[in-house]
Amino acid sequence: RQVLGWREFIRGIYQFKGDDQMKRNYWQHTGKLTESWYEASTGILPLDDSINTVLEDGYNHHIPRLMVISNLMNLCEIDPKEIYRWFMEMYIDSSEWVMVPNVFGMATYSDGGLMSTKPYTCGSNYFLKMSNYKKGEWCDIVDGLYWRFIEKNRSFYQSNPRLSLQATFLDRLSPERKERIFSKAENFISKHTA
């Protein structure tokens, strides 16, 4: 993909694997988005800021799309078709041949690895390192979503050499922290998904 160029790679994936990608739901996610994902009212500052940028401009950079918006939708167990619909509705540059591989392949890994070798997931530490955001209540929610996702998919993470350390890090969380952040994650999911 580095020789041909990213656009050509994505176009090829869409032409040869796009129909198959759209039929897959590797994680078996069934959640639906609530209005908060359209109104930028989730309470997670980086997510709401990213959504506000889309509301204002119909666009944002690849990193907020991948590592903030779709990451958190995936961690919240949103159905990949629902995620795809949101991206198609919200972006001025949305096109099926671009969004299918990016959402079903890269953003959610719902195709089970037809396009990439691992899901793109992260906790709040990534947001803090890559931005000017300060630690806040939102960090516990994001971390709870992240570690909860790893817990639910432990066997996948343990079997993937690029991700196996995450299961080890999960086991190092104190029981008190784990209980606190998982509870916040569950509350967030119940409030912001249907």
Protein backbone atom coordinates (compact mmCIF):
# COMPACT_ATOMS: atom_id res chain seq x y z
CA ARG A 1 0.00 0.00 0.00
CA GLN A 2 2.93 2.36 0.47
CA VAL A 3 4.07 1.86 -3.14
CA LEU A 4 0.71 2.43 -4.82
CA GLY A 5 -0.49 5.16 -2.51
CA TRP A 6 -3.23 5.22 0.08
CA ARG A 7 -6.08 6.34 -2.22
CA GLU A 8 -5.35 3.57 -4.70
CA PHE A 9 -5.07 1.01 -1.90
CA ILE A 10 -8.43 2.08 -0.42
CA ARG A 11 -10.07 2.06 -3.85
CA GLY A 12 -8.75 -1.45 -4.51
CA ILE A 13 -9.96 -2.71 -1.13
CA TYR A 14 -13.40 -1.27 -1.86
CA GLN A 15 -13.58 -2.78 -5.34
CA PHE A 16 -12.44 -6.25 -4.31
CA LYS A 17 -13.54 -6.56 -0.67
CA GLY A 18 -16.07 -3.77 -0.05
CA ASP A 19 -19.22 -5.89 -0.35
CA ASP A 20 -17.74 -8.47 2.01
CA GLN A 21 -16.61 -5.80 4.47
CA MET A 22 -20.12 -4.35 4.71
CA LYS A 23 -21.58 -7.76 5.63
CA ARG A 24 -19.19 -8.40 8.50
CA ASN A 25 -19.53 -7.53 12.17
CA TYR A 26 -16.51 -9.21 13.76
CA TRP A 27 -17.20 -7.92 17.29
CA GLN A 28 -20.97 -8.56 17.00
CA HIS A 29 -21.74 -4.99 18.04
CA THR A 30 -25.41 -4.01 17.95
CA GLY A 31 -25.55 -0.61 19.69
CA LYS A 32 -27.23 2.40 18.13
CA LEU A 33 -26.16 6.03 18.33
CA THR A 34 -28.16 8.52 20.34
CA GLU A 35 -28.62 12.22 19.58
CA SER A 36 -25.58 13.08 21.72
CA TRP A 37 -23.32 11.79 18.91
CA TYR A 38 -24.99 14.28 16.55
CA GLU A 39 -25.15 17.18 18.99
CA ALA A 40 -21.65 16.90 20.51
CA SER A 41 -23.14 16.41 23.97
CA THR A 42 -21.47 13.20 25.17
CA GLY A 43 -19.45 14.85 27.93
CA ILE A 44 -16.16 13.48 26.60
CA LEU A 45 -14.33 16.69 25.73
CA PRO A 46 -12.13 15.42 22.83
CA LEU A 47 -15.10 13.60 21.31
CA ASP A 48 -17.45 16.57 21.60
CA ASP A 49 -14.79 18.90 20.18
CA SER A 50 -14.23 16.53 17.25
CA ILE A 51 -17.96 16.28 16.57
CA ASN A 52 -18.34 20.07 16.82
CA THR A 53 -15.63 20.47 14.19
CA VAL A 54 -17.58 18.16 11.89
CA LEU A 55 -20.81 20.04 12.61
CA GLU A 56 -19.13 23.35 11.77
CA ASP A 57 -16.96 22.29 8.82
CA GLY A 58 -18.27 18.94 7.59
CA TYR A 59 -14.71 17.74 7.93
CA ASN A 60 -11.87 16.94 10.27
CA HIS A 61 -8.47 15.31 10.03
CA HIS A 62 -7.97 11.56 9.77
CA ILE A 63 -6.72 11.23 13.37
CA PRO A 64 -9.87 12.63 15.06
CA ARG A 65 -11.94 10.47 12.73
CA LEU A 66 -10.00 7.29 13.50
CA MET A 67 -8.65 7.65 17.01
CA VAL A 68 -11.35 9.75 18.64
CA ILE A 69 -14.75 9.37 16.98
CA SER A 70 -14.68 5.87 15.50
CA ASN A 71 -12.51 4.54 18.34
CA LEU A 72 -15.09 5.61 20.92
CA MET A 73 -18.01 4.40 18.81
CA ASN A 74 -16.31 1.01 18.53
CA LEU A 75 -15.50 0.88 22.25
CA CYS A 76 -19.19 1.64 22.93
CA GLU A 77 -20.15 -1.39 20.81
CA ILE A 78 -21.98 0.59 18.14
CA ASP A 79 -23.08 -1.48 15.14
CA PRO A 80 -20.57 -0.84 12.32
CA LYS A 81 -23.40 -0.09 9.87
CA GLU A 82 -24.57 2.62 12.27
CA ILE A 83 -21.04 4.05 12.41
CA TYR A 84 -20.84 3.97 8.61
CA ARG A 85 -24.18 5.80 8.33
CA TRP A 86 -22.97 8.50 10.77
CA PHE A 87 -19.79 9.11 8.79
CA MET A 88 -21.69 9.20 5.48
CA GLU A 89 -24.16 11.72 6.90
CA MET A 90 -21.66 14.00 8.61
CA TYR A 91 -18.70 14.45 6.25
CA ILE A 92 -18.53 16.62 3.16
CA ASP A 93 -15.94 14.26 1.66
CA SER A 94 -17.91 11.09 2.32
CA SER A 95 -18.03 8.65 -0.54
CA GLU A 96 -18.89 4.97 -0.37
CA TRP A 97 -15.60 3.81 -1.87
CA VAL A 98 -13.70 5.74 0.82
CA MET A 99 -15.94 5.17 3.83
CA VAL A 100 -16.54 1.43 3.45
CA PRO A 101 -12.86 0.41 3.79
CA ASN A 102 -12.10 3.10 6.35
CA VAL A 103 -15.07 2.39 8.64
CA PHE A 104 -15.48 -1.38 8.29
CA GLY A 105 -11.77 -2.07 7.93
CA MET A 106 -9.53 0.40 9.65
CA ALA A 107 -11.81 2.24 12.08
CA THR A 108 -13.74 -0.67 13.59
CA TYR A 109 -11.97 -3.84 12.46
CA SER A 110 -15.49 -5.17 11.91
CA ASP A 111 -14.21 -6.94 8.78
CA GLY A 112 -12.08 -9.15 11.05
CA GLY A 113 -8.79 -8.16 9.49
CA LEU A 114 -9.42 -8.09 5.74
CA MET A 115 -7.65 -4.75 5.62
CA SER A 116 -5.63 -4.26 8.80
CA THR A 117 -3.83 -6.43 11.33
CA LYS A 118 -5.34 -4.91 14.46
CA PRO A 119 -8.14 -2.66 15.67
CA TYR A 120 -7.29 0.99 16.25
CA THR A 121 -8.32 1.44 19.87
CA CYS A 122 -6.90 3.62 22.60
CA GLY A 123 -7.57 5.07 26.02
CA SER A 124 -7.26 8.62 27.29
CA ASN A 125 -3.46 8.52 27.46
CA TYR A 126 -3.28 8.71 23.65
CA PHE A 127 -5.56 11.77 23.62
CA LEU A 128 -3.49 13.47 26.33
CA LYS A 129 -0.19 12.80 24.54
CA MET A 130 -1.42 13.93 21.14
CA SER A 131 -3.25 17.10 22.20
CA ASN A 132 -3.47 19.96 24.67
CA TYR A 133 -6.33 18.39 26.64
CA LYS A 134 -5.95 18.21 30.40
CA LYS A 135 -6.87 15.23 32.54
CA GLY A 136 -10.46 15.28 33.64
CA GLU A 137 -13.48 13.16 34.50
CA TRP A 138 -13.69 12.21 30.82
CA CYS A 139 -10.40 10.27 31.14
CA ASP A 140 -11.96 7.68 33.46
CA ILE A 141 -14.83 7.18 31.02
CA VAL A 142 -12.53 6.73 28.03
CA ASP A 143 -10.20 4.44 30.00
CA GLY A 144 -13.16 2.42 31.24
CA LEU A 145 -14.43 1.98 27.69
CA TYR A 146 -10.97 0.96 26.50
CA TRP A 147 -10.16 -1.56 29.24
CA ARG A 148 -13.71 -2.94 29.19
CA PHE A 149 -13.34 -3.59 25.45
CA ILE A 150 -10.07 -5.43 26.03
CA GLU A 151 -11.62 -7.45 28.86
CA LYS A 152 -14.54 -8.48 26.65
CA ASN A 153 -12.16 -9.42 23.83
CA ARG A 154 -9.31 -10.78 25.94
CA SER A 155 -8.68 -13.91 23.86
CA PHE A 156 -8.35 -11.79 20.71
CA TYR A 157 -5.89 -9.44 22.37
CA GLN A 158 -3.86 -12.27 23.90
CA SER A 159 -3.58 -14.07 20.56
CA ASN A 160 -2.42 -11.00 18.60
CA PRO A 161 1.35 -10.42 19.02
CA ARG A 162 0.91 -6.68 18.44
CA LEU A 163 -1.71 -6.41 21.19
CA SER A 164 -0.98 -9.12 23.74
CA LEU A 165 0.67 -6.70 26.17
CA GLN A 166 -2.64 -4.89 26.58
CA ALA A 167 -4.15 -7.92 28.33
CA THR A 168 -1.16 -7.91 30.69
CA PHE A 169 -1.65 -4.20 31.40
CA LEU A 170 -5.34 -4.85 32.05
CA ASP A 171 -4.40 -7.39 34.71
CA ARG A 172 -2.24 -4.78 36.43
CA LEU A 173 -5.13 -2.40 37.04
CA SER A 174 -6.04 -2.23 40.72
CA PRO A 175 -9.44 -3.77 41.50
CA GLU A 176 -10.64 -0.39 42.80
CA ARG A 177 -9.65 1.51 39.65
CA LYS A 178 -11.02 -1.21 37.39
CA GLU A 179 -14.37 -1.19 39.19
CA ARG A 180 -14.57 2.62 39.12
CA ILE A 181 -13.73 3.08 35.43
CA PHE A 182 -15.80 0.09 34.26
CA SER A 183 -18.80 1.52 36.12
CA LYS A 184 -18.31 4.89 34.42
CA ALA A 185 -18.01 3.16 31.05
CA GLU A 186 -21.23 1.20 31.60
CA ASN A 187 -23.04 4.39 32.63
CA PHE A 188 -21.76 6.17 29.52
CA ILE A 189 -22.86 3.32 27.24
CA SER A 190 -26.33 3.15 28.80
CA LYS A 191 -26.76 6.93 28.45
CA HIS A 192 -25.28 7.43 24.97
CA THR A 193 -26.29 4.30 23.05
CA ALA A 194 -29.64 2.72 22.29
